[in-house]
Structure formats: structure tokens, C-alpha cells
Amino acid sequence: MSVAKTYSNFPIEGEPFKENGRMYVNVRAPKGIKKVRWYTDAEYKRMYPDEVVKTDIMDFDARHAFGFGPEGFITIYKGHNLKEWAEDNLQNLRYNNTFLYYTPGRLELPRISEGIEPIKLIWDEVKYEGNKMKSHEEVSKYVANLLSTDVCGTSEYQGSIDEWLQKEVTVREKSTKESRFGTKHTYYLDDAMNNTYVWETGAKDYPCNMVLRLKMKVKEHKEINGTKVTIVWYCKEV
């Protein structure tokens, strides 16, 4: 992650933030604080194709920029319904490509919903030296391991799109959200081979650990927090 060459020598102020789908950061320019684009490595390479991008060390005051601050930690989050939860709690959250959604150490944690787990990420675990951070690749891999919800690492995509499956599954996790269309439940279901299925419905209310035998149609294959999941719909008990 980097700013354009024009601002590369200016001190970074505060944490990178997201606006309208793009990342920005404030820098201290000669005439005061200025909001500038915070480019990914891929974006930077497109802008400066002939320049070798240094990706070994995040060469700026990352401890301050990302909000570890004097507290020495930030809080990251894991959960299958993370994006929906985050959209309801943006006031106390930040987002970037390294940590995804996180809360700087100086801020109070948002309301934690069912299915969301906060994880404290300590500065000493990701620092290189001083206030510099390890490479984006190293830190992203470390964070991905912390956020992984697939403990066994065995979940694989099941069936093909629009194919009907019949499986005996266990309700491993459930989250509930109210909307203008009523109550919606999101179920995370595991079969005997630890393959994971996701089903959203407002029609059924099952408790966790309940065993179901379902006929279901494959809607999509998707990777969520490093786990391969099969999104299903039109589910009914058989």
C-alpha cells in the first residue's frame, strides 16, 4: 500500500480509510492536512510500471497509521456474516486490505452480534522494527490464519451450479438479522466430511447443533474467510 510519488515524503496522519469503495489516507502537506489516495500494490504498479515496488517492509509509521497506537493492539473480526454486521457498525470500524474490518486500539468495540468473534492483534506480532511493519504479504497471511473459520481445512465445493443435492447436515452456526422484509436467518451447515454449506432463509428457525436432512439446490461456490463454502437455496427437509 502506498501514496502517489508526489506525497511519498509527507508524514502519514491517522489511519487509512475507505470512501466510495476507494482507500484514502491523510498526509501532512506543507499547507496542511490533505486527503490522498492510498493505492494497493497493483494500482501503484499500473501508475508507475517501470518502478520496482518495495514490498518487503511497510516503510512508514505503521503503528500510528493503522491505529495500534500506545495501546499496542487493534481488534480484528471473524465471522461468516462479517460484511453485513460491519455495515451496521461503521462508526467504530476501519477497513483496509491487510486487516479487513478492524477497530483501532483507542476506540471502543462495536456491539458484537451472534456469529462475530473479536480478535486482539498485538503490534509485536506484526512489527518489523521500530514503527515499521512486516510486508503486506506476511501480515495478510498471518491475519488470514487468525480469521480462518475452517479449522480442519477440509471443506470443498459441493455439486455444480443449479445441481440438486441431498445431504445430512448439522447446524454449526446461525446468525439472525431483522430487515424491512422480516427476520432472516443465515445458517452454516456442515456435512459428515466437514464440507460447509450456507443457507439464508426467513421461513425456518433451527437451533445450533440440530441435524437436518435437506434437499437443496447449489446457488454459488464462494470462499469466505479462507473457507470454501457452497451457497444453497430452495432447501427443504426430506
Protein backbone atom coordinates (compact mmCIF):
# COMPACT_ATOMS: atom_id res chain seq x y z
CA MET A 1 0.00 0.00 0.00
CA SER A 2 1.35 3.43 -0.87
CA VAL A 3 0.53 7.01 -1.82
CA ALA A 4 1.48 8.63 -5.13
CA LYS A 5 5.10 9.78 -5.55
CA THR A 6 4.02 13.39 -5.09
CA TYR A 7 3.11 12.68 -1.46
CA SER A 8 5.58 9.89 -0.65
CA ASN A 9 7.79 12.13 1.53
CA PHE A 10 4.93 13.59 3.58
CA PRO A 11 4.17 12.11 7.04
CA ILE A 12 1.01 10.00 7.21
CA GLU A 13 -1.58 11.25 9.69
CA GLY A 14 -4.09 8.82 11.19
CA GLU A 15 -5.39 5.58 9.73
CA PRO A 16 -6.20 4.74 6.09
CA PHE A 17 -9.95 4.84 5.47
CA LYS A 18 -12.45 3.84 2.81
CA GLU A 19 -14.75 6.20 0.90
CA ASN A 20 -16.96 5.26 -2.05
CA GLY A 21 -15.14 1.97 -2.49
CA ARG A 22 -11.63 3.50 -2.56
CA MET A 23 -8.93 3.76 0.08
CA TYR A 24 -7.57 7.12 1.26
CA VAL A 25 -5.15 8.41 3.87
CA ASN A 26 -4.37 11.85 5.26
CA VAL A 27 -0.85 13.24 4.85
CA ARG A 28 0.71 16.33 6.39
CA ALA A 29 1.49 18.51 3.38
CA PRO A 30 3.23 21.93 3.59
CA LYS A 31 -0.15 23.70 3.50
CA GLY A 32 -1.84 21.39 5.99
CA ILE A 33 -3.57 18.01 6.11
CA LYS A 34 -4.51 16.63 2.70
CA LYS A 35 -6.59 13.57 1.81
CA VAL A 36 -4.90 11.45 -0.88
CA ARG A 37 -5.42 8.04 -2.44
CA TRP A 38 -3.95 5.02 -0.64
CA TYR A 39 -3.07 2.70 -3.51
CA THR A 40 -2.77 -1.08 -3.47
CA ASP A 41 0.44 -2.56 -4.87
CA ALA A 42 -1.42 -3.45 -8.08
CA GLU A 43 -2.73 0.12 -8.52
CA TYR A 44 0.72 1.57 -7.81
CA LYS A 45 2.32 -0.68 -10.41
CA ARG A 46 -0.20 0.48 -13.03
CA MET A 47 0.67 4.09 -12.26
CA TYR A 48 4.43 3.53 -12.27
CA PRO A 49 5.04 0.41 -14.41
CA ASP A 50 8.79 0.98 -14.67
CA GLU A 51 9.34 1.29 -10.95
CA VAL A 52 10.11 -1.66 -8.69
CA VAL A 53 7.68 -1.50 -5.78
CA LYS A 54 9.28 -2.19 -2.42
CA THR A 55 7.05 -4.78 -0.80
CA ASP A 56 9.48 -6.16 1.76
CA ILE A 57 8.73 -3.69 4.57
CA MET A 58 5.88 -1.20 5.08
CA ASP A 59 8.24 1.75 5.28
CA PHE A 60 6.21 4.30 7.28
CA ASP A 61 4.92 4.74 10.82
CA ALA A 62 2.51 1.82 10.50
CA ARG A 63 1.88 1.61 14.23
CA HIS A 64 0.39 5.09 14.18
CA ALA A 65 -1.18 4.88 10.71
CA PHE A 66 -3.14 1.70 11.39
CA GLY A 67 -4.25 2.63 14.90
CA PHE A 68 -2.15 0.33 17.11
CA GLY A 69 -1.04 3.49 18.94
CA PRO A 70 0.19 3.46 22.56
CA GLU A 71 -2.29 0.68 23.34
CA GLY A 72 -0.22 -1.65 21.15
CA PHE A 73 -3.10 -3.53 19.51
CA ILE A 74 -6.06 -3.37 17.16
CA THR A 75 -9.10 -5.63 17.14
CA ILE A 76 -9.89 -7.64 14.02
CA TYR A 77 -13.03 -9.69 13.46
CA LYS A 78 -14.04 -13.07 12.10
CA GLY A 79 -17.48 -14.35 11.20
CA HIS A 80 -19.35 -15.56 8.15
CA ASN A 81 -21.76 -12.60 8.15
CA LEU A 82 -18.96 -10.10 8.75
CA LYS A 83 -19.84 -7.66 5.97
CA GLU A 84 -23.48 -7.27 6.99
CA TRP A 85 -22.52 -6.79 10.63
CA ALA A 86 -19.83 -4.25 9.70
CA GLU A 87 -22.28 -2.17 7.66
CA ASP A 88 -24.34 -1.70 10.83
CA ASN A 89 -21.32 -0.70 12.94
CA LEU A 90 -19.17 1.51 10.71
CA GLN A 91 -18.72 4.22 13.34
CA ASN A 92 -16.21 2.14 15.33
CA LEU A 93 -14.67 0.25 12.41
CA ARG A 94 -11.96 0.85 9.85
CA TYR A 95 -11.22 -1.19 6.73
CA ASN A 96 -8.14 -1.97 4.64
CA ASN A 97 -6.81 -4.81 2.53
CA THR A 98 -4.43 -6.02 5.25
CA PHE A 99 -6.73 -6.34 8.27
CA LEU A 100 -10.15 -6.15 6.59
CA TYR A 101 -12.57 -4.71 9.19
CA TYR A 102 -10.85 -3.65 12.40
CA THR A 103 -11.10 -1.31 15.38
CA PRO A 104 -8.09 0.84 16.40
CA GLY A 105 -6.94 0.31 19.97
CA ARG A 106 -8.11 3.77 21.05
CA LEU A 107 -11.76 3.13 20.09
CA GLU A 108 -14.44 1.20 21.94
CA LEU A 109 -15.53 -2.04 20.33
CA PRO A 110 -18.87 -2.02 18.47
CA ARG A 111 -21.76 -4.19 19.53
CA ILE A 112 -20.77 -7.81 18.94
CA SER A 113 -23.52 -9.85 17.28
CA GLU A 114 -24.01 -13.60 17.30
CA GLY A 115 -21.53 -15.23 14.93
CA ILE A 116 -18.93 -12.43 15.18
CA GLU A 117 -15.71 -13.01 17.12
CA PRO A 118 -13.32 -10.15 18.01
CA ILE A 119 -9.60 -10.99 18.00
CA LYS A 120 -6.94 -8.78 19.51
CA LEU A 121 -3.98 -8.33 17.12
CA ILE A 122 -0.86 -7.28 19.03
CA TRP A 123 1.58 -4.87 17.40
CA ASP A 124 4.59 -7.01 18.37
CA GLU A 125 3.16 -9.86 16.27
CA VAL A 126 3.33 -7.88 13.02
CA LYS A 127 6.11 -5.33 13.53
CA TYR A 128 9.48 -5.39 11.79
CA GLU A 129 11.46 -2.82 13.76
CA GLY A 130 10.57 0.45 15.41
CA ASN A 131 7.25 1.59 13.98
CA LYS A 132 7.63 -0.31 10.71
CA MET A 133 5.52 -3.32 9.84
CA LYS A 134 6.38 -6.59 8.15
CA SER A 135 5.47 -6.95 4.47
CA HIS A 136 1.84 -6.81 3.40
CA GLU A 137 2.12 -10.43 2.23
CA GLU A 138 3.44 -11.64 5.60
CA VAL A 139 0.90 -9.72 7.65
CA SER A 140 -2.02 -10.69 5.38
CA LYS A 141 -1.10 -14.37 5.68
CA TYR A 142 -0.84 -14.08 9.47
CA VAL A 143 -4.19 -12.29 9.70
CA ALA A 144 -5.84 -14.84 7.36
CA ASN A 145 -4.77 -17.65 9.70
CA LEU A 146 -6.29 -15.82 12.66
CA LEU A 147 -9.54 -15.22 10.79
CA SER A 148 -9.88 -18.68 9.32
CA THR A 149 -13.10 -20.41 10.35
CA ASP A 150 -12.22 -23.69 8.67
CA VAL A 151 -10.28 -25.40 11.46
CA CYS A 152 -9.88 -28.73 9.67
CA GLY A 153 -9.19 -27.14 6.31
CA THR A 154 -11.16 -29.87 4.56
CA SER A 155 -14.22 -28.05 3.23
CA GLU A 156 -14.58 -28.36 -0.55
CA TYR A 157 -17.14 -27.08 -3.04
CA GLN A 158 -20.04 -29.48 -3.50
CA GLY A 159 -22.00 -30.14 -6.67
CA SER A 160 -22.22 -27.79 -9.63
CA ILE A 161 -24.29 -24.62 -10.02
CA ASP A 162 -28.05 -25.40 -10.19
CA GLU A 163 -27.47 -29.03 -9.21
CA TRP A 164 -29.74 -30.58 -6.58
CA LEU A 165 -28.03 -32.18 -3.56
CA GLN A 166 -29.39 -34.29 -0.74
CA LYS A 167 -27.30 -34.17 2.42
CA GLU A 168 -27.46 -34.80 6.15
CA VAL A 169 -26.03 -31.68 7.77
CA THR A 170 -25.56 -30.16 11.21
CA VAL A 171 -26.34 -26.53 12.03
CA ARG A 172 -22.90 -25.33 13.16
CA GLU A 173 -23.58 -21.61 13.26
CA LYS A 174 -26.57 -19.32 12.92
CA SER A 175 -26.96 -15.56 12.63
CA THR A 176 -30.19 -13.57 12.58
CA LYS A 177 -30.89 -10.16 11.13
CA GLU A 178 -34.02 -8.03 11.03
CA SER A 179 -34.85 -6.19 7.81
CA ARG A 180 -37.84 -4.47 6.24
CA PHE A 181 -38.74 -7.85 4.76
CA GLY A 182 -38.80 -9.54 8.17
CA THR A 183 -36.42 -11.84 10.03
CA LYS A 184 -33.67 -13.54 8.05
CA HIS A 185 -31.59 -16.44 9.35
CA THR A 186 -28.22 -17.39 7.90
CA TYR A 187 -27.22 -20.99 8.61
CA TYR A 188 -23.77 -22.54 8.31
CA LEU A 189 -24.21 -26.24 7.84
CA ASP A 190 -21.55 -28.98 7.95
CA ASP A 191 -21.85 -32.46 6.47
CA ALA A 192 -20.05 -35.60 7.69
CA MET A 193 -16.96 -34.72 5.59
CA ASN A 194 -16.69 -31.21 7.10
CA ASN A 195 -17.90 -29.52 3.90
CA THR A 196 -19.66 -26.24 4.65
CA TYR A 197 -22.97 -25.01 3.20
CA VAL A 198 -24.58 -21.58 3.65
CA TRP A 199 -28.35 -21.14 3.53
CA GLU A 200 -30.29 -17.91 4.05
CA THR A 201 -33.99 -18.14 4.80
CA GLY A 202 -36.74 -16.39 6.69
CA ALA A 203 -39.02 -19.41 6.68
CA LYS A 204 -37.20 -21.74 9.10
CA ASP A 205 -35.79 -21.22 12.58
CA TYR A 206 -33.46 -24.03 13.60
CA PRO A 207 -31.24 -24.13 16.72
CA CYS A 208 -27.48 -24.72 16.53
CA ASN A 209 -26.34 -28.38 16.60
CA MET A 210 -29.61 -29.60 15.08
CA VAL A 211 -29.17 -32.37 12.50
CA LEU A 212 -31.16 -31.96 9.27
CA ARG A 213 -31.57 -33.99 6.13
CA LEU A 214 -32.02 -31.48 3.34
CA LYS A 215 -32.66 -31.45 -0.37
CA MET A 216 -31.02 -28.25 -1.64
CA LYS A 217 -30.01 -26.54 -4.85
CA VAL A 218 -26.49 -25.19 -5.40
CA LYS A 219 -26.62 -21.43 -5.94
CA GLU A 220 -22.95 -20.44 -5.81
CA HIS A 221 -19.45 -21.52 -4.82
CA LYS A 222 -17.67 -18.93 -2.69
CA GLU A 223 -14.62 -18.59 -0.45
CA ILE A 224 -15.39 -16.93 2.88
CA ASN A 225 -12.53 -16.13 5.26
CA GLY A 226 -10.39 -18.75 3.57
CA THR A 227 -13.08 -21.46 3.69
CA LYS A 228 -14.64 -22.96 0.56
CA VAL A 229 -18.40 -22.90 1.05
CA THR A 230 -21.32 -24.00 -1.08
CA ILE A 231 -24.16 -21.46 -1.11
CA VAL A 232 -27.52 -23.25 -1.34
CA TRP A 233 -31.19 -22.30 -1.65
CA TYR A 234 -34.60 -23.88 -2.21
CA CYS A 235 -33.84 -26.12 0.77
CA LYS A 236 -36.43 -28.46 2.21
CA GLU A 237 -36.36 -31.28 4.72
CA VAL A 238 -36.66 -34.83 3.37
